[in-house]
Every structure is written in C-alpha cells, then in structure tokens.
Amino acid sequence: MGDLVDQCEARGLVTREPDPRDARARLVQFTPTGLLWLQAFKDAVAQAEREFRDEVGQDIATVVKIGLEAYAGGLA
C-alpha cells in the first residue's frame, strides 16, 4: 500500500500530512487534482457498467455482478 501511496503522491494526487493525534502516523488526503481524477475514474467505471449492461442485458449483468461480488468476498 505504501508503494501505491508513493506513486499517487509523486503524481500529485494525494498528500501526506502529520496526524495531530499520533506523531507516528501520516494522514493521506486527496489533492484537488486527485479528487478530479477520482471522479473521472468513477465516471469511467459507471460508463463501462452501462455499456456492459446495454450489451449483455440486465439479467446477465446482474448475474455477473453477483459473481464478481462473491469472488471479491472470497479474496478477503
């Protein structure tokens, strides 16, 4: 996770600030650019989901979603 935060920080998407409650910890926060990127990512996922649903139909899209949720739950 630290490597991912390092990469995001290097791209200006997040900052690390000292945690006022714990001197050992750092708070990771999105920058304005990071928030724009996050919204663009959410929009892209929503568009991909719409396109998939339009292509295969609601019933199949629902089955795939349930399957992916079950798969992701097994990874934890």
Protein backbone atom coordinates (compact mmCIF):
# COMPACT_ATOMS: atom_id res chain seq x y z
CA MET A 1 0.00 0.00 0.00
CA GLY A 2 2.89 2.33 0.76
CA ASP A 3 4.18 1.98 -2.80
CA LEU A 4 0.76 2.90 -4.18
CA VAL A 5 0.58 5.99 -1.97
CA ASP A 6 4.13 6.91 -3.06
CA GLN A 7 3.07 6.69 -6.72
CA CYS A 8 -0.08 8.74 -6.15
CA GLU A 9 1.89 11.34 -4.21
CA ALA A 10 4.50 11.57 -6.99
CA ARG A 11 1.69 12.29 -9.47
CA GLY A 12 0.18 14.97 -7.26
CA LEU A 13 -2.97 13.00 -6.48
CA VAL A 14 -2.52 12.82 -2.70
CA THR A 15 -0.59 14.48 0.09
CA ARG A 16 0.70 13.08 3.36
CA GLU A 17 0.24 15.25 6.41
CA PRO A 18 1.23 14.61 10.01
CA ASP A 19 -1.57 13.13 12.11
CA PRO A 20 -2.15 15.56 15.01
CA ARG A 21 -3.36 12.67 17.18
CA ASP A 22 -0.43 10.31 16.52
CA ALA A 23 3.06 11.58 15.72
CA ARG A 24 3.97 8.21 14.17
CA ALA A 25 1.14 8.34 11.62
CA ARG A 26 0.53 10.32 8.45
CA LEU A 27 -2.85 11.28 7.01
CA VAL A 28 -3.22 10.66 3.28
CA GLN A 29 -5.59 13.12 1.62
CA PHE A 30 -6.62 13.70 -1.98
CA THR A 31 -5.43 16.89 -3.64
CA PRO A 32 -7.85 18.85 -5.85
CA THR A 33 -6.24 17.11 -8.84
CA GLY A 34 -6.67 13.77 -7.09
CA LEU A 35 -10.35 14.45 -6.48
CA LEU A 36 -10.81 15.27 -10.17
CA TRP A 37 -9.03 12.03 -11.10
CA LEU A 38 -11.17 10.07 -8.63
CA GLN A 39 -14.38 11.47 -10.13
CA ALA A 40 -13.17 10.72 -13.66
CA PHE A 41 -12.40 7.14 -12.58
CA LYS A 42 -15.88 6.75 -11.04
CA ASP A 43 -17.45 8.15 -14.22
CA ALA A 44 -15.44 5.72 -16.38
CA VAL A 45 -16.49 2.74 -14.25
CA ALA A 46 -20.14 3.80 -14.42
CA GLN A 47 -19.90 4.17 -18.21
CA ALA A 48 -18.28 0.74 -18.57
CA GLU A 49 -21.02 -0.80 -16.43
CA ARG A 50 -23.73 0.88 -18.54
CA GLU A 51 -22.11 -0.28 -21.79
CA PHE A 52 -21.76 -3.83 -20.46
CA ARG A 53 -25.38 -3.88 -19.28
CA ASP A 54 -26.56 -2.49 -22.63
CA GLU A 55 -24.56 -5.15 -24.49
CA VAL A 56 -25.50 -8.27 -22.48
CA GLY A 57 -28.79 -7.23 -20.89
CA GLN A 58 -29.80 -6.53 -17.32
CA ASP A 59 -30.25 -10.16 -16.26
CA ILE A 60 -26.79 -11.30 -17.35
CA ALA A 61 -25.20 -8.12 -15.98
CA THR A 62 -26.80 -8.82 -12.60
CA VAL A 63 -25.52 -12.41 -12.56
CA VAL A 64 -22.01 -11.23 -13.45
CA LYS A 65 -22.14 -8.57 -10.72
CA ILE A 66 -23.23 -11.12 -8.11
CA GLY A 67 -20.46 -13.47 -9.23
CA LEU A 68 -17.82 -10.74 -9.02
CA GLU A 69 -19.02 -9.68 -5.58
CA ALA A 70 -18.82 -13.29 -4.38
CA TYR A 71 -15.35 -13.65 -5.89
CA ALA A 72 -14.14 -10.42 -4.26
CA GLY A 73 -15.59 -11.51 -0.93
CA GLY A 74 -13.53 -14.68 -1.09
CA LEU A 75 -10.32 -12.68 -1.54
CA ALA A 76 -10.56 -11.02 1.85
